[in-house]
C-alpha atoms as a PDB file:
ATOM      1  CA  UNK A   1     -42.729 -16.406  22.601  1.00  0.00           C
ATOM      2  CA  UNK A   2     -42.892 -13.199  20.549  1.00  0.00           C
ATOM      3  CA  UNK A   3     -39.116 -12.805  20.783  1.00  0.00           C
ATOM      4  CA  UNK A   4     -38.561 -16.266  19.349  1.00  0.00           C
ATOM      5  CA  UNK A   5     -40.981 -15.578  16.502  1.00  0.00           C
ATOM      6  CA  UNK A   6     -39.279 -12.247  15.796  1.00  0.00           C
ATOM      7  CA  UNK A   7     -35.869 -13.933  15.762  1.00  0.00           C
ATOM      8  CA  UNK A   8     -37.100 -16.635  13.378  1.00  0.00           C
ATOM      9  CA  UNK A   9     -38.698 -14.076  11.058  1.00  0.00           C
ATOM     10  CA  UNK A  10     -35.557 -11.922  11.092  1.00  0.00           C
ATOM     11  CA  UNK A  11     -33.351 -14.895  10.222  1.00  0.00           C
ATOM     12  CA  UNK A  12     -35.749 -15.997   7.487  1.00  0.00           C
ATOM     13  CA  UNK A  13     -35.774 -12.496   6.016  1.00  0.00           C
ATOM     14  CA  UNK A  14     -31.978 -12.459   6.102  1.00  0.00           C
ATOM     15  CA  UNK A  15     -31.816 -15.696   4.123  1.00  0.00           C
ATOM     16  CA  UNK A  16     -34.429 -14.545   1.615  1.00  0.00           C
ATOM     17  CA  UNK A  17     -33.596 -10.880   1.080  1.00  0.00           C
ATOM     18  CA  UNK A  18     -29.874 -11.168   0.299  1.00  0.00           C
ATOM     19  CA  UNK A  19     -30.305 -13.670  -2.562  1.00  0.00           C
ATOM     20  CA  UNK A  20     -33.217 -11.695  -3.979  1.00  0.00           C
ATOM     21  CA  UNK A  21     -31.212  -8.478  -3.950  1.00  0.00           C
ATOM     22  CA  UNK A  22     -28.274 -10.221  -5.607  1.00  0.00           C
ATOM     23  CA  UNK A  23     -30.515 -11.647  -8.339  1.00  0.00           C
ATOM     24  CA  UNK A  24     -32.161  -8.246  -8.814  1.00  0.00           C
ATOM     25  CA  UNK A  25     -28.760  -6.663  -9.365  1.00  0.00           C
ATOM     26  CA  UNK A  26     -28.268  -8.883 -12.397  1.00  0.00           C
ATOM     27  CA  UNK A  27     -31.456  -7.480 -13.886  1.00  0.00           C
ATOM     28  CA  UNK A  28     -31.276  -3.812 -12.987  1.00  0.00           C
ATOM     29  CA  UNK A  29     -27.566  -3.005 -12.557  1.00  0.00           C
ATOM     30  CA  UNK A  30     -26.272  -4.213 -15.916  1.00  0.00           C
ATOM     31  CA  UNK A  31     -24.501  -0.938 -16.671  1.00  0.00           C
ATOM     32  CA  UNK A  32     -22.644  -0.975 -13.343  1.00  0.00           C
ATOM     33  CA  UNK A  33     -21.596  -4.592 -13.857  1.00  0.00           C
ATOM     34  CA  UNK A  34     -20.409  -3.810 -17.383  1.00  0.00           C
ATOM     35  CA  UNK A  35     -18.380  -0.792 -16.219  1.00  0.00           C
ATOM     36  CA  UNK A  36     -16.831  -2.761 -13.362  1.00  0.00           C
ATOM     37  CA  UNK A  37     -15.818  -5.553 -15.725  1.00  0.00           C
ATOM     38  CA  UNK A  38     -14.315  -3.064 -18.185  1.00  0.00           C
ATOM     39  CA  UNK A  39     -12.317  -1.371 -15.417  1.00  0.00           C
ATOM     40  CA  UNK A  40     -11.046  -4.680 -14.043  1.00  0.00           C
ATOM     41  CA  UNK A  41     -10.157  -5.848 -17.556  1.00  0.00           C
ATOM     42  CA  UNK A  42      -8.102  -2.694 -18.109  1.00  0.00           C
ATOM     43  CA  UNK A  43      -6.278  -3.233 -14.815  1.00  0.00           C
ATOM     44  CA  UNK A  44      -5.532  -6.824 -15.779  1.00  0.00           C
ATOM     45  CA  UNK A  45      -4.305  -5.763 -19.229  1.00  0.00           C
ATOM     46  CA  UNK A  46      -2.020  -3.203 -17.591  1.00  0.00           C
ATOM     47  CA  UNK A  47      -0.648  -5.853 -15.247  1.00  0.00           C
ATOM     48  CA  UNK A  48      -0.181  -8.200 -18.193  1.00  0.00           C
ATOM     49  CA  UNK A  49       1.803  -5.529 -20.044  1.00  0.00           C
ATOM     50  CA  UNK A  50       4.073  -5.079 -17.025  1.00  0.00           C
ATOM     51  CA  UNK A  51       4.694  -8.811 -16.740  1.00  0.00           C
ATOM     52  CA  UNK A  52       5.296  -9.077 -20.495  1.00  0.00           C
ATOM     53  CA  UNK A  53       7.858  -6.280 -20.248  1.00  0.00           C
ATOM     54  CA  UNK A  54       9.668  -8.112 -17.450  1.00  0.00           C
ATOM     55  CA  UNK A  55       9.571 -11.332 -19.489  1.00  0.00           C
ATOM     56  CA  UNK A  56      11.106  -9.585 -22.517  1.00  0.00           C
ATOM     57  CA  UNK A  57      13.824  -8.084 -20.319  1.00  0.00           C
ATOM     58  CA  UNK A  58      14.592 -11.504 -18.862  1.00  0.00           C
ATOM     59  CA  UNK A  59      14.685 -13.130 -22.279  1.00  0.00           C
ATOM     60  CA  UNK A  60      17.085 -10.434 -23.450  1.00  0.00           C
ATOM     61  CA  UNK A  61      19.342 -11.462 -20.553  1.00  0.00           C
ATOM     62  CA  UNK A  62      18.969 -15.126 -21.620  1.00  0.00           C
ATOM     63  CA  UNK A  63      17.161 -16.073 -18.440  1.00  0.00           C
ATOM     64  CA  UNK A  64      14.687 -18.921 -18.313  1.00  0.00           C
ATOM     65  CA  UNK A  65      11.089 -17.914 -17.585  1.00  0.00           C
ATOM     66  CA  UNK A  66       9.335 -19.810 -14.820  1.00  0.00           C
ATOM     67  CA  UNK A  67       6.493 -22.059 -16.003  1.00  0.00           C
ATOM     68  CA  UNK A  68       4.003 -20.383 -13.651  1.00  0.00           C
ATOM     69  CA  UNK A  69       4.621 -17.038 -15.386  1.00  0.00           C
ATOM     70  CA  UNK A  70       3.990 -18.518 -18.824  1.00  0.00           C
ATOM     71  CA  UNK A  71       0.884 -20.281 -17.555  1.00  0.00           C
ATOM     72  CA  UNK A  72      -0.435 -17.063 -16.008  1.00  0.00           C
ATOM     73  CA  UNK A  73       0.180 -15.127 -19.222  1.00  0.00           C
ATOM     74  CA  UNK A  74      -1.734 -17.763 -21.198  1.00  0.00           C
ATOM     75  CA  UNK A  75      -4.621 -17.692 -18.730  1.00  0.00           C
ATOM     76  CA  UNK A  76      -4.766 -13.897 -18.894  1.00  0.00           C
ATOM     77  CA  UNK A  77      -4.780 -13.876 -22.682  1.00  0.00           C
ATOM     78  CA  UNK A  78      -7.631 -16.390 -22.905  1.00  0.00           C
ATOM     79  CA  UNK A  79      -9.523 -14.632 -20.088  1.00  0.00           C
ATOM     80  CA  UNK A  80      -9.316 -11.239 -21.804  1.00  0.00           C
ATOM     81  CA  UNK A  81     -10.578 -12.836 -25.028  1.00  0.00           C
ATOM     82  CA  UNK A  82     -13.545 -14.334 -23.143  1.00  0.00           C
ATOM     83  CA  UNK A  83     -14.308 -10.976 -21.505  1.00  0.00           C
ATOM     84  CA  UNK A  84     -14.261  -9.234 -24.883  1.00  0.00           C
ATOM     85  CA  UNK A  85     -16.672 -11.820 -26.321  1.00  0.00           C
ATOM     86  CA  UNK A  86     -18.966 -11.368 -23.335  1.00  0.00           C
ATOM     87  CA  UNK A  87     -18.877  -7.581 -23.693  1.00  0.00           C
ATOM     88  CA  UNK A  88     -19.715  -7.905 -27.384  1.00  0.00           C
ATOM     89  CA  UNK A  89     -22.674 -10.172 -26.570  1.00  0.00           C
ATOM     90  CA  UNK A  90     -23.875  -7.627 -24.018  1.00  0.00           C
ATOM     91  CA  UNK A  91     -23.753  -4.833 -26.596  1.00  0.00           C
ATOM     92  CA  UNK A  92     -25.735  -6.980 -29.019  1.00  0.00           C
ATOM     93  CA  UNK A  93     -28.419  -7.833 -26.438  1.00  0.00           C
ATOM     94  CA  UNK A  94     -29.941  -4.327 -26.349  1.00  0.00           C
ATOM     95  CA  UNK A  95     -33.095  -5.524 -28.085  1.00  0.00           C
ATOM     96  CA  UNK A  96     -35.774  -4.424 -25.621  1.00  0.00           C
ATOM     97  CA  UNK A  97     -36.098  -0.608 -25.424  1.00  0.00           C
ATOM     98  CA  UNK A  98     -32.401  -0.136 -26.227  1.00  0.00           C
ATOM     99  CA  UNK A  99     -31.345  -2.262 -23.272  1.00  0.00           C
ATOM    100  CA  UNK A 100     -33.473  -0.532 -20.638  1.00  0.00           C
ATOM    101  CA  UNK A 101     -35.850  -3.443 -20.197  1.00  0.00           C
ATOM    102  CA  UNK A 102     -34.386  -6.473 -18.410  1.00  0.00           C
ATOM    103  CA  UNK A 103     -34.470  -9.684 -20.418  1.00  0.00           C
ATOM    104  CA  UNK A 104     -33.451 -13.262 -19.721  1.00  0.00           C
ATOM    105  CA  UNK A 105     -30.435 -12.900 -22.004  1.00  0.00           C
ATOM    106  CA  UNK A 106     -29.169  -9.780 -20.198  1.00  0.00           C
ATOM    107  CA  UNK A 107     -29.742 -11.497 -16.846  1.00  0.00           C
ATOM    108  CA  UNK A 108     -27.670 -14.494 -17.965  1.00  0.00           C
ATOM    109  CA  UNK A 109     -24.931 -12.269 -19.396  1.00  0.00           C
ATOM    110  CA  UNK A 110     -24.789 -10.198 -16.196  1.00  0.00           C
ATOM    111  CA  UNK A 111     -24.381 -13.358 -14.143  1.00  0.00           C
ATOM    112  CA  UNK A 112     -21.521 -14.440 -16.410  1.00  0.00           C
ATOM    113  CA  UNK A 113     -19.988 -10.967 -16.177  1.00  0.00           C
ATOM    114  CA  UNK A 114     -20.105 -11.104 -12.386  1.00  0.00           C
ATOM    115  CA  UNK A 115     -18.232 -14.408 -12.477  1.00  0.00           C
ATOM    116  CA  UNK A 116     -15.729 -12.874 -14.909  1.00  0.00           C
ATOM    117  CA  UNK A 117     -15.200  -9.940 -12.541  1.00  0.00           C
ATOM    118  CA  UNK A 118     -14.257 -12.348  -9.765  1.00  0.00           C
ATOM    119  CA  UNK A 119     -11.963 -14.320 -12.089  1.00  0.00           C
ATOM    120  CA  UNK A 120     -10.332 -11.090 -13.294  1.00  0.00           C
ATOM    121  CA  UNK A 121      -9.651  -9.966  -9.740  1.00  0.00           C
ATOM    122  CA  UNK A 122      -8.252 -13.410  -8.936  1.00  0.00           C
ATOM    123  CA  UNK A 123      -5.883 -13.282 -11.925  1.00  0.00           C
ATOM    124  CA  UNK A 124      -4.785  -9.791 -10.960  1.00  0.00           C
ATOM    125  CA  UNK A 125      -4.017 -10.939  -7.412  1.00  0.00           C
ATOM    126  CA  UNK A 126      -1.988 -13.878  -8.729  1.00  0.00           C
ATOM    127  CA  UNK A 127       0.247 -11.579 -10.783  1.00  0.00           C
ATOM    128  CA  UNK A 128       2.964 -11.331  -8.140  1.00  0.00           C
ATOM    129  CA  UNK A 129       5.680 -13.809  -9.087  1.00  0.00           C
ATOM    130  CA  UNK A 130       8.390 -12.802  -6.640  1.00  0.00           C
ATOM    131  CA  UNK A 131       8.259 -15.991  -4.598  1.00  0.00           C
ATOM    132  CA  UNK A 132       7.942 -18.571  -7.349  1.00  0.00           C
ATOM    133  CA  UNK A 133      11.563 -19.595  -7.499  1.00  0.00           C
ATOM    134  CA  UNK A 134      13.583 -20.921  -4.652  1.00  0.00           C
ATOM    135  CA  UNK A 135      15.838 -17.840  -4.919  1.00  0.00           C
ATOM    136  CA  UNK A 136      12.821 -15.496  -4.668  1.00  0.00           C
ATOM    137  CA  UNK A 137      13.659 -14.255  -8.144  1.00  0.00           C
ATOM    138  CA  UNK A 138      11.156 -13.552 -10.863  1.00  0.00           C
ATOM    139  CA  UNK A 139      13.109 -15.592 -13.369  1.00  0.00           C
ATOM    140  CA  UNK A 140      15.594 -18.448 -13.296  1.00  0.00           C
ATOM    141  CA  UNK A 141      18.991 -17.995 -14.857  1.00  0.00           C
ATOM    142  CA  UNK A 142      20.305 -20.560 -17.284  1.00  0.00           C
ATOM    143  CA  UNK A 143      23.732 -21.932 -16.398  1.00  0.00           C
END
């Protein structure tokens, strides 16, 4: 009987502790979240520059750019703009003891930043365009 109770309590603690820790991170780890987002944004911008360079080279060779590449570039541009707005809002939200005291606004911004981190990583993973065309080329040639 005690083993069953211990198992139930352990499972209940597992379901309660993880969400509480995650929510607490939004309040008390704002600097880590901000740094992670900044690092991921820089990686994405670097990847975007590499893709843009390949696009310019292809356009110089009069090759047609695949629609998925153009769509990805547009998504990255709008995503980076959203990240910059979010970072600016975070800098402006340092109202309580120069940002050391957790507030509802910082909590909400940290949650949004966490979602942006995931979206940034997703965009970075989708940056490989080698298998888009049927020829496994990055770009299609115009004939």
